[in-house]
Amino acid sequence: MPTLCSVDAIAEKVFRDERISPEEALELLRHPNLVELAAMADHRRRRLVPGDTVTYVIGRILNYTNVCWVRCSFCAFYREPGHPEGYLLSDEEILAKVRDTVEKGGVEILFQGGLNPRLKIDWYERTFRMILREFPQVILHALSPTEILYIAKISKLTLEECIQRLHAAGLHSIPGAGGEILVDRVRDQIAPLKDSTDDWLRCMRAAAQLGLKSTASMMYGHVETLEDRVEHLVRIRDLQDECAPFRAFICWNFQPEETKLAVERKADAADYLRTLAVSRIFLDNIPNLQVSILTQGPKIAQTALRYGANDFGSVMIEENVVSAAGSKFILSAEEFERLIRAAGFVPKRRNTRYEILEA
């Protein structure tokens, strides 16, 4: 247990707008006083994102396929190739979902699925061009690093060639899924067939060098230690220092229901708020922190706005992966705005690039 003196010293650094070390981040993750963490996180947030604006986006998670051979133990969504419940959406189904999103005011399509061996680069190029030909106003926030690495491999392309072709076909930005915990010892336990930490970072680095921005994420509350969480944050901060790929950071707790990964207990709201606050304090080079309303629900999401978050994430017209196991809190834009105002902030609608959209 850290001493009050050590946490006081860390707090002094934060209020002087100085960077904290990994060792100090670990001290804060062990600190029991959430109110003190909130004060530090709120200070850091207001330095990076001044004012009382809280943003959100209207979008859809379009899961184009659930076929995946990787068999991650934490995932309740995937079906192995050949499984009777496996699917691949048709062109008509994809366009219908995008049309529904646009008609409901959506601007973002978060296009993600499993590692389907049937799909090579030409399928993604054709599909992206088809979507943007019909709906040129939407932003394709698409394909995790895990998907991109696999598409490059089965298409016999270099990673850079693959990203260049996807970008030319309409890929606008890359979501930070597939990171889970960026520690290979942990990844080997929860997803032994998945890409390594260095591979995930290599993909984000290559995308940034080709002009594509992305987000970063952390799924905690399974087999990782607090030290692993800090190492994950170090990897994210270091890459942001190097080439600034990330517009935002999102953390959420593992949803164990219907998965093969057993945990003693599900991470609670206090753990979420502590992890969020320390993420904001440590990640002093990433401007935006999203709440995880999907896993935490509206009340904790409101509270999180005092723990360093400045973004309510997406009004999800559809979501199938996280909600396949555990909580499912899907709210309307009106409910988002009501919750943000009730927490004492000013809601503003944005796009994927964090540009404010005028009503």
Protein backbone atom coordinates (compact mmCIF):
# COMPACT_ATOMS: atom_id res chain seq x y z
CA MET A 1 0.00 0.00 0.00
CA PRO A 2 1.52 3.37 -0.96
CA THR A 3 2.07 5.94 1.73
CA LEU A 4 0.13 9.20 1.80
CA CYS A 5 3.40 11.00 1.30
CA SER A 6 4.18 9.18 -1.95
CA VAL A 7 0.72 9.88 -3.39
CA ASP A 8 0.96 13.50 -2.25
CA ALA A 9 4.25 13.79 -4.13
CA ILE A 10 2.67 12.33 -7.26
CA ALA A 11 -0.24 14.75 -6.93
CA GLU A 12 2.17 17.68 -6.74
CA LYS A 13 3.73 16.55 -10.03
CA VAL A 14 0.31 16.26 -11.67
CA PHE A 15 -0.77 19.73 -10.52
CA ARG A 16 2.54 21.11 -11.82
CA ASP A 17 1.61 19.52 -15.17
CA GLU A 18 4.54 17.14 -15.07
CA ARG A 19 4.62 13.61 -16.49
CA ILE A 20 4.37 10.74 -14.02
CA SER A 21 6.46 7.59 -14.21
CA PRO A 22 5.23 3.99 -14.61
CA GLU A 23 6.11 3.36 -10.97
CA GLU A 24 3.97 6.30 -9.92
CA ALA A 25 1.09 5.09 -12.09
CA LEU A 26 1.25 1.76 -10.27
CA GLU A 27 1.12 3.59 -6.93
CA LEU A 28 -2.03 5.37 -8.08
CA LEU A 29 -3.69 2.14 -9.24
CA ARG A 30 -3.19 0.84 -5.70
CA HIS A 31 -4.42 4.03 -4.05
CA PRO A 32 -7.77 3.55 -2.28
CA ASN A 33 -8.95 7.18 -2.33
CA LEU A 34 -10.96 7.63 -5.51
CA VAL A 35 -11.74 11.29 -4.78
CA GLU A 36 -8.04 12.17 -4.80
CA LEU A 37 -7.57 10.34 -8.09
CA ALA A 38 -10.56 12.16 -9.55
CA ALA A 39 -9.06 15.54 -8.64
CA MET A 40 -5.79 14.70 -10.39
CA ALA A 41 -7.52 13.25 -13.45
CA ASP A 42 -9.88 16.20 -13.76
CA HIS A 43 -6.95 18.60 -13.62
CA ARG A 44 -5.15 16.71 -16.37
CA ARG A 45 -8.30 16.57 -18.48
CA ARG A 46 -8.89 20.33 -18.22
CA ARG A 47 -5.30 21.03 -19.29
CA LEU A 48 -5.69 18.83 -22.37
CA VAL A 49 -9.35 19.62 -23.15
CA PRO A 50 -10.28 23.01 -21.63
CA GLY A 51 -13.87 23.90 -20.88
CA ASP A 52 -16.94 21.85 -20.04
CA THR A 53 -17.73 20.34 -23.43
CA VAL A 54 -18.38 16.59 -23.56
CA THR A 55 -18.53 15.15 -27.06
CA TYR A 56 -20.22 12.13 -28.58
CA VAL A 57 -20.69 10.61 -32.03
CA ILE A 58 -23.60 8.83 -33.69
CA GLY A 59 -22.44 5.62 -35.32
CA ARG A 60 -22.97 1.95 -35.84
CA ILE A 61 -20.73 -1.01 -35.15
CA LEU A 62 -21.23 -2.97 -38.34
CA ASN A 63 -20.06 -6.52 -37.70
CA TYR A 64 -19.75 -7.79 -41.25
CA THR A 65 -18.81 -11.35 -40.22
CA ASN A 66 -18.57 -13.38 -37.02
CA VAL A 67 -16.45 -16.10 -38.61
CA CYS A 68 -13.05 -16.21 -36.91
CA TRP A 69 -10.45 -18.96 -36.51
CA VAL A 70 -8.48 -17.29 -33.67
CA ARG A 71 -10.81 -18.50 -30.87
CA CYS A 72 -9.97 -15.85 -28.25
CA SER A 73 -11.10 -17.12 -24.84
CA PHE A 74 -12.61 -13.75 -23.88
CA CYS A 75 -14.87 -13.51 -26.95
CA ALA A 76 -18.50 -14.68 -27.02
CA PHE A 77 -19.11 -13.32 -30.54
CA TYR A 78 -17.01 -15.47 -32.86
CA ARG A 79 -17.97 -18.69 -34.64
CA GLU A 80 -15.33 -20.96 -36.14
CA PRO A 81 -15.24 -21.46 -39.93
CA GLY A 82 -17.91 -23.95 -40.90
CA HIS A 83 -20.06 -23.36 -37.81
CA PRO A 84 -23.79 -23.23 -38.66
CA GLU A 85 -24.15 -19.89 -36.84
CA GLY A 86 -21.34 -18.24 -38.77
CA TYR A 87 -22.31 -15.46 -41.16
CA LEU A 88 -21.00 -13.01 -43.73
CA LEU A 89 -23.29 -10.11 -44.54
CA SER A 90 -24.31 -9.65 -48.17
CA ASP A 91 -23.77 -6.40 -50.04
CA GLU A 92 -27.47 -5.63 -49.65
CA GLU A 93 -27.36 -6.21 -45.90
CA ILE A 94 -24.29 -4.02 -45.47
CA LEU A 95 -25.78 -1.16 -47.48
CA ALA A 96 -29.09 -1.45 -45.63
CA LYS A 97 -27.30 -1.05 -42.28
CA VAL A 98 -25.33 1.95 -43.52
CA ARG A 99 -28.49 3.52 -44.94
CA ASP A 100 -30.28 3.03 -41.61
CA THR A 101 -27.34 4.66 -39.81
CA VAL A 102 -27.35 7.71 -42.10
CA GLU A 103 -31.13 8.08 -41.80
CA LYS A 104 -30.74 8.18 -38.02
CA GLY A 105 -28.12 10.94 -38.18
CA GLY A 106 -25.08 8.69 -38.01
CA VAL A 107 -21.73 9.73 -39.46
CA GLU A 108 -19.47 6.84 -38.41
CA ILE A 109 -19.41 3.18 -39.47
CA LEU A 110 -17.21 1.14 -37.16
CA PHE A 111 -16.67 -1.77 -39.55
CA GLN A 112 -15.30 -4.81 -37.74
CA GLY A 113 -15.54 -8.58 -37.76
CA GLY A 114 -13.60 -11.77 -37.24
CA LEU A 115 -10.59 -13.18 -39.06
CA ASN A 116 -12.53 -14.87 -41.85
CA PRO A 117 -10.22 -16.94 -44.12
CA ARG A 118 -12.52 -16.36 -47.09
CA LEU A 119 -11.92 -12.60 -47.17
CA LYS A 120 -8.84 -11.12 -48.84
CA ILE A 121 -7.91 -7.55 -49.67
CA ASP A 122 -10.08 -7.40 -52.80
CA TRP A 123 -13.28 -8.04 -50.78
CA TYR A 124 -12.51 -5.13 -48.45
CA GLU A 125 -11.56 -2.80 -51.29
CA ARG A 126 -14.76 -3.58 -53.17
CA THR A 127 -16.91 -3.30 -50.04
CA PHE A 128 -15.43 0.03 -48.91
CA ARG A 129 -15.82 1.53 -52.39
CA MET A 130 -19.39 0.26 -52.55
CA ILE A 131 -20.27 1.89 -49.22
CA LEU A 132 -18.69 5.23 -50.06
CA ARG A 133 -20.15 5.30 -53.56
CA GLU A 134 -23.62 5.13 -52.02
CA PHE A 135 -22.89 7.12 -48.86
CA PRO A 136 -19.87 9.39 -49.42
CA GLN A 137 -20.61 11.34 -46.22
CA VAL A 138 -19.90 8.46 -43.81
CA ILE A 139 -16.54 7.92 -42.12
CA LEU A 140 -15.18 4.38 -42.22
CA HIS A 141 -13.59 3.79 -38.83
CA ALA A 142 -12.72 0.26 -39.75
CA LEU A 143 -10.68 -2.88 -39.14
CA SER A 144 -8.64 -3.50 -36.01
CA PRO A 145 -4.88 -4.01 -36.33
CA THR A 146 -5.56 -7.73 -35.88
CA GLU A 147 -7.80 -7.75 -38.96
CA ILE A 148 -5.38 -5.66 -41.02
CA LEU A 149 -2.41 -7.86 -40.15
CA TYR A 150 -4.38 -10.95 -41.17
CA ILE A 151 -5.65 -9.40 -44.41
CA ALA A 152 -2.06 -8.54 -45.34
CA LYS A 153 -0.89 -12.07 -44.57
CA ILE A 154 -3.53 -13.99 -46.53
CA SER A 155 -3.35 -11.49 -49.39
CA LYS A 156 0.44 -11.86 -49.58
CA LEU A 157 1.02 -8.14 -49.08
CA THR A 158 3.36 -6.20 -46.87
CA LEU A 159 1.63 -4.42 -44.02
CA GLU A 160 2.33 -1.06 -45.66
CA GLU A 161 0.92 -2.21 -49.02
CA CYS A 162 -2.21 -3.51 -47.31
CA ILE A 163 -2.85 -0.28 -45.41
CA GLN A 164 -2.18 1.83 -48.51
CA ARG A 165 -4.72 -0.14 -50.54
CA LEU A 166 -7.35 -0.03 -47.79
CA HIS A 167 -6.79 3.70 -47.39
CA ALA A 168 -7.16 4.25 -51.14
CA ALA A 169 -10.43 2.28 -51.05
CA GLY A 170 -11.88 4.53 -48.33
CA LEU A 171 -10.52 3.54 -44.92
CA HIS A 172 -10.50 6.75 -42.85
CA SER A 173 -9.28 5.65 -39.42
CA ILE A 174 -8.51 2.51 -37.40
CA PRO A 175 -10.19 1.50 -34.13
CA GLY A 176 -7.97 0.31 -31.30
CA ALA A 177 -9.58 -3.10 -30.86
CA GLY A 178 -7.44 -6.20 -30.51
CA GLY A 179 -5.04 -4.53 -28.09
CA GLU A 180 -6.65 -6.04 -24.97
CA ILE A 181 -3.50 -5.92 -22.80
CA LEU A 182 -0.27 -5.16 -24.65
CA VAL A 183 1.81 -7.67 -22.69
CA ASP A 184 2.69 -10.89 -24.50
CA ARG A 185 2.51 -13.05 -21.37
CA VAL A 186 -1.12 -11.99 -20.95
CA ARG A 187 -1.93 -12.27 -24.65
CA ASP A 188 -0.54 -15.80 -24.71
CA GLN A 189 -3.04 -16.74 -22.00
CA ILE A 190 -6.21 -15.14 -23.35
CA ALA A 191 -5.55 -15.24 -27.12
CA PRO A 192 -2.56 -17.48 -27.95
CA LEU A 193 -3.25 -17.40 -31.71
CA LYS A 194 -3.51 -13.62 -31.93
CA ASP A 195 -0.86 -11.14 -33.02
CA SER A 196 1.85 -10.06 -30.60
CA THR A 197 2.18 -6.76 -28.80
CA ASP A 198 4.88 -5.62 -31.22
CA ASP A 199 2.72 -6.57 -34.21
CA TRP A 200 -0.22 -4.51 -32.91
CA LEU A 201 2.04 -1.51 -32.33
CA ARG A 202 3.74 -2.00 -35.70
CA CYS A 203 0.37 -1.77 -37.45
CA MET A 204 -0.55 1.45 -35.66
CA ARG A 205 2.88 2.90 -36.41
CA ALA A 206 2.63 2.03 -40.11
CA ALA A 207 -0.87 3.51 -40.33
CA ALA A 208 0.30 6.75 -38.72
CA GLN A 209 3.21 7.02 -41.13
CA LEU A 210 0.73 6.67 -43.99
CA GLY A 211 -1.50 9.42 -42.60
CA LEU A 212 -4.17 7.33 -40.86
CA LYS A 213 -5.21 8.14 -37.31
CA SER A 214 -6.57 5.62 -34.82
CA THR A 215 -7.74 5.06 -31.28
CA ALA A 216 -6.21 2.99 -28.48
CA SER A 217 -8.01 0.79 -25.99
CA MET A 218 -7.50 -1.48 -23.00
CA MET A 219 -9.64 -4.41 -21.92
CA TYR A 220 -8.79 -5.13 -18.28
CA GLY A 221 -10.18 -7.27 -15.48
CA HIS A 222 -9.22 -10.80 -16.55
CA VAL A 223 -5.81 -12.43 -16.00
CA GLU A 224 -3.65 -9.31 -16.05
CA THR A 225 -1.98 -7.73 -13.02
CA LEU A 226 -1.86 -4.04 -12.16
CA GLU A 227 1.72 -4.05 -13.40
CA ASP A 228 0.43 -5.35 -16.75
CA ARG A 229 -2.06 -2.50 -16.98
CA VAL A 230 0.75 -0.01 -16.44
CA GLU A 231 2.93 -1.71 -19.06
CA HIS A 232 0.04 -1.44 -21.51
CA LEU A 233 -0.26 2.29 -20.81
CA VAL A 234 3.50 2.71 -21.23
CA ARG A 235 3.34 1.08 -24.69
CA ILE A 236 0.50 3.39 -25.70
CA ARG A 237 2.18 6.55 -24.37
CA ASP A 238 5.52 5.69 -25.95
CA LEU A 239 4.00 5.14 -29.39
CA GLN A 240 2.03 8.38 -29.07
CA ASP A 241 5.28 10.19 -28.26
CA GLU A 242 6.89 8.57 -31.30
CA CYS A 243 4.32 9.18 -34.06
CA ALA A 244 1.02 10.42 -32.52
CA PRO A 245 -1.33 7.83 -34.01
CA PHE A 246 -4.08 8.07 -31.37
CA ARG A 247 -6.98 10.49 -31.21
CA ALA A 248 -8.54 8.87 -28.15
CA PHE A 249 -8.18 6.18 -25.50
CA ILE A 250 -10.95 3.88 -24.23
CA CYS A 251 -10.80 1.35 -21.40
CA TRP A 252 -13.46 -1.16 -20.39
CA ASN A 253 -13.69 -4.18 -18.14
CA PHE A 254 -13.84 -7.72 -19.48
CA GLN A 255 -17.36 -9.13 -19.78
CA PRO A 256 -17.01 -12.82 -18.76
CA GLU A 257 -20.55 -14.04 -19.47
CA GLU A 258 -20.79 -16.69 -22.22
CA THR A 259 -17.00 -16.76 -22.75
CA LYS A 260 -14.43 -19.47 -22.08
CA LEU A 261 -12.26 -17.23 -19.90
CA ALA A 262 -13.04 -17.78 -16.23
CA VAL A 263 -12.43 -14.99 -13.71
CA GLU A 264 -12.95 -14.98 -9.95
CA ARG A 265 -15.09 -11.85 -10.09
CA LYS A 266 -16.08 -9.23 -12.61
CA ALA A 267 -14.28 -5.89 -12.24
CA ASP A 268 -16.51 -3.37 -10.47
CA ALA A 269 -17.29 0.31 -10.93
CA ALA A 270 -14.62 1.45 -8.47
CA ASP A 271 -11.97 -0.43 -10.44
CA TYR A 272 -13.24 1.18 -13.63
CA LEU A 273 -13.11 4.71 -12.24
CA ARG A 274 -9.64 4.13 -10.78
CA THR A 275 -8.32 2.69 -14.04
CA LEU A 276 -9.87 5.50 -16.06
CA ALA A 277 -8.45 8.19 -13.79
CA VAL A 278 -4.94 6.74 -13.84
CA SER A 279 -5.14 6.38 -17.62
CA ARG A 280 -5.96 10.08 -17.93
CA ILE A 281 -3.16 11.06 -15.53
CA PHE A 282 -0.57 8.86 -17.24
CA LEU A 283 -1.58 9.39 -20.89
CA ASP A 284 -0.71 13.07 -20.92
CA ASN A 285 -0.26 13.08 -24.70
CA ILE A 286 -3.69 11.74 -25.77
CA PRO A 287 -6.37 14.44 -25.71
CA ASN A 288 -9.58 12.41 -25.61
CA LEU A 289 -10.74 9.76 -23.14
CA GLN A 290 -14.01 7.99 -23.86
CA VAL A 291 -16.33 6.56 -21.25
CA SER A 292 -17.50 2.96 -21.67
CA ILE A 293 -21.22 3.45 -21.30
CA LEU A 294 -21.81 0.09 -22.97
CA THR A 295 -20.24 -1.82 -20.06
CA GLN A 296 -20.67 0.64 -17.18
CA GLY A 297 -24.13 2.06 -17.73
CA PRO A 298 -25.33 5.67 -17.58
CA LYS A 299 -24.73 6.48 -13.90
CA ILE A 300 -21.07 5.43 -13.89
CA ALA A 301 -20.60 7.08 -17.27
CA GLN A 302 -21.77 10.37 -15.76
CA THR A 303 -19.41 9.92 -12.81
CA ALA A 304 -16.55 9.15 -15.20
CA LEU A 305 -16.76 12.70 -16.53
CA ARG A 306 -15.22 13.78 -13.20
CA TYR A 307 -12.52 11.09 -13.52
CA GLY A 308 -10.85 12.42 -16.65
CA ALA A 309 -13.24 11.45 -19.45
CA ASN A 310 -14.33 14.11 -21.92
CA ASP A 311 -16.17 12.00 -24.47
CA PHE A 312 -19.31 9.84 -24.21
CA GLY A 313 -18.29 7.66 -27.14
CA SER A 314 -20.81 6.48 -29.68
CA VAL A 315 -24.57 6.38 -29.72
CA MET A 316 -24.48 2.79 -30.93
CA ILE A 317 -27.31 2.07 -33.31
CA GLU A 318 -26.08 -1.52 -33.26
CA GLU A 319 -23.45 -3.44 -31.26
CA ASN A 320 -22.93 -7.21 -31.14
CA VAL A 321 -19.49 -8.02 -29.75
CA VAL A 322 -19.32 -6.64 -26.20
CA SER A 323 -23.04 -7.18 -25.69
CA ALA A 324 -22.70 -10.83 -26.70
CA ALA A 325 -21.29 -11.30 -23.21
CA GLY A 326 -22.59 -9.22 -20.32
CA SER A 327 -23.95 -5.71 -20.10
CA LYS A 328 -25.70 -3.88 -22.90
CA PHE A 329 -26.49 -0.19 -22.37
CA ILE A 330 -27.47 1.31 -25.73
CA LEU A 331 -28.97 4.80 -25.45
CA SER A 332 -30.22 7.44 -27.88
CA ALA A 333 -28.57 10.78 -28.69
CA GLU A 334 -31.25 12.53 -26.66
CA GLU A 335 -30.44 10.35 -23.65
CA PHE A 336 -26.73 11.03 -24.12
CA GLU A 337 -27.34 14.78 -24.09
CA ARG A 338 -29.62 14.59 -21.05
CA LEU A 339 -27.02 12.58 -19.09
CA ILE A 340 -24.19 14.93 -20.05
CA ARG A 341 -26.16 18.03 -19.04
CA ALA A 342 -27.28 16.44 -15.77
CA ALA A 343 -23.61 15.82 -14.93
CA GLY A 344 -22.87 19.54 -15.36
CA PHE A 345 -21.36 19.53 -18.85
CA VAL A 346 -22.27 20.79 -22.31
CA PRO A 347 -22.96 18.09 -24.93
CA LYS A 348 -21.60 18.51 -28.45
CA ARG A 349 -21.99 16.10 -31.34
CA ARG A 350 -18.77 15.26 -33.21
CA ASN A 351 -17.43 13.07 -35.98
CA THR A 352 -14.65 10.47 -35.86
CA ARG A 353 -12.02 13.20 -36.27
CA TYR A 354 -13.37 14.97 -33.16
CA GLU A 355 -14.60 17.85 -35.27
CA ILE A 356 -17.71 19.44 -33.72
CA LEU A 357 -20.83 19.12 -35.86
CA GLU A 358 -23.20 22.03 -35.75
CA ALA A 359 -26.81 21.15 -35.02
